Amino acid sequence: MHFTVHQSININMIKIGAITNSSVMQIGSSGSIQAQSDIYNTGGYTEPAEEAEAAGEIAPIVPLRP
């Protein structure tokens, strides 16, 4: 069975609360959504990175509500 869907979607503002590795955000219609997960080592690394060290006081970059 085939459907032809013509859509016109205008989004003035969208707020996404959280994104995870398995998140799906759909706007409009889709015949099917298939899971896909790809991991790439684009830097050619062969071992884990060194532990990061905190330098001074740690404060969030974005101000948070109390």
C-alpha atoms as a PDB file:
ATOM      1  CA  MET A   1       0.000   0.000   0.000  1.00  0.00           C
ATOM      2  CA  HIS A   2       1.416   3.389  -0.977  1.00  0.00           C
ATOM      3  CA  PHE A   3       0.453   6.811   0.345  1.00  0.00           C
ATOM      4  CA  THR A   4       1.443  10.184  -0.998  1.00  0.00           C
ATOM      5  CA  VAL A   5       1.569  12.847   1.696  1.00  0.00           C
ATOM      6  CA  HIS A   6       2.012  16.548   0.981  1.00  0.00           C
ATOM      7  CA  GLN A   7       2.851  18.600   4.047  1.00  0.00           C
ATOM      8  CA  SER A   8       3.643  22.163   4.928  1.00  0.00           C
ATOM      9  CA  ILE A   9       5.067  22.504   8.432  1.00  0.00           C
ATOM     10  CA  ASN A  10       6.083  25.791  10.066  1.00  0.00           C
ATOM     11  CA  ILE A  11       7.852  25.609  13.420  1.00  0.00           C
ATOM     12  CA  ASN A  12       8.361  28.934  15.182  1.00  0.00           C
ATOM     13  CA  MET A  13      10.009  27.480  18.288  1.00  0.00           C
ATOM     14  CA  ILE A  14      10.846  23.988  19.463  1.00  0.00           C
ATOM     15  CA  LYS A  15      12.198  23.001  22.855  1.00  0.00           C
ATOM     16  CA  ILE A  16      13.869  19.637  23.337  1.00  0.00           C
ATOM     17  CA  GLY A  17      14.310  18.639  26.966  1.00  0.00           C
ATOM     18  CA  ALA A  18      16.860  15.837  26.518  1.00  0.00           C
ATOM     19  CA  ILE A  19      18.623  13.846  23.842  1.00  0.00           C
ATOM     20  CA  THR A  20      20.004  10.341  24.274  1.00  0.00           C
ATOM     21  CA  ASN A  21      21.657   7.877  21.936  1.00  0.00           C
ATOM     22  CA  SER A  22      18.297   6.302  21.148  1.00  0.00           C
ATOM     23  CA  SER A  23      16.235   9.491  20.769  1.00  0.00           C
ATOM     24  CA  VAL A  24      13.841   9.934  17.863  1.00  0.00           C
ATOM     25  CA  MET A  25      12.305  13.271  17.022  1.00  0.00           C
ATOM     26  CA  GLN A  26       9.760  13.160  14.248  1.00  0.00           C
ATOM     27  CA  ILE A  27       8.111  16.085  12.538  1.00  0.00           C
ATOM     28  CA  GLY A  28       5.617  15.097   9.875  1.00  0.00           C
ATOM     29  CA  SER A  29       4.973  11.549   8.749  1.00  0.00           C
ATOM     30  CA  SER A  30       7.253   8.601   8.206  1.00  0.00           C
ATOM     31  CA  GLY A  31       6.611   5.259   6.589  1.00  0.00           C
ATOM     32  CA  SER A  32       8.963   3.490   8.960  1.00  0.00           C
ATOM     33  CA  ILE A  33      11.710   4.340  11.411  1.00  0.00           C
ATOM     34  CA  GLN A  34      14.538   1.841  11.722  1.00  0.00           C
ATOM     35  CA  ALA A  35      17.050   1.925  14.546  1.00  0.00           C
ATOM     36  CA  GLN A  36      20.641   2.700  13.604  1.00  0.00           C
ATOM     37  CA  SER A  37      23.635   3.288  15.822  1.00  0.00           C
ATOM     38  CA  ASP A  38      27.045   4.193  14.438  1.00  0.00           C
ATOM     39  CA  ILE A  39      30.236   4.753  16.396  1.00  0.00           C
ATOM     40  CA  TYR A  40      33.245   6.175  14.592  1.00  0.00           C
ATOM     41  CA  ASN A  41      36.837   6.534  15.750  1.00  0.00           C
ATOM     42  CA  THR A  42      37.643   9.458  13.478  1.00  0.00           C
ATOM     43  CA  GLY A  43      40.804  10.359  15.412  1.00  0.00           C
ATOM     44  CA  GLY A  44      42.327   6.882  15.096  1.00  0.00           C
ATOM     45  CA  TYR A  45      42.715   6.572  18.882  1.00  0.00           C
ATOM     46  CA  THR A  46      43.958   3.248  20.251  1.00  0.00           C
ATOM     47  CA  GLU A  47      43.592   3.829  24.020  1.00  0.00           C
ATOM     48  CA  PRO A  48      41.401   5.887  26.405  1.00  0.00           C
ATOM     49  CA  ALA A  49      42.245   9.536  27.018  1.00  0.00           C
ATOM     50  CA  GLU A  50      43.933  10.694  30.224  1.00  0.00           C
ATOM     51  CA  GLU A  51      41.758  11.663  33.196  1.00  0.00           C
ATOM     52  CA  ALA A  52      40.869  15.356  33.199  1.00  0.00           C
ATOM     53  CA  GLU A  53      42.000  17.480  36.137  1.00  0.00           C
ATOM     54  CA  ALA A  54      39.867  20.287  37.549  1.00  0.00           C
ATOM     55  CA  ALA A  55      41.612  23.659  37.526  1.00  0.00           C
ATOM     56  CA  GLY A  56      40.263  25.797  40.363  1.00  0.00           C
ATOM     57  CA  GLU A  57      36.592  26.222  41.180  1.00  0.00           C
ATOM     58  CA  ILE A  58      34.174  24.383  38.934  1.00  0.00           C
ATOM     59  CA  ALA A  59      31.196  26.479  37.827  1.00  0.00           C
ATOM     60  CA  PRO A  60      28.625  25.804  35.125  1.00  0.00           C
ATOM     61  CA  ILE A  61      29.138  27.650  31.850  1.00  0.00           C
ATOM     62  CA  VAL A  62      25.399  28.282  31.594  1.00  0.00           C
ATOM     63  CA  PRO A  63      23.817  29.944  34.667  1.00  0.00           C
ATOM     64  CA  LEU A  64      21.439  27.530  36.403  1.00  0.00           C
ATOM     65  CA  ARG A  65      18.409  28.354  38.506  1.00  0.00           C
ATOM     66  CA  PRO A  66      18.878  27.856  42.261  1.00  0.00           C
END
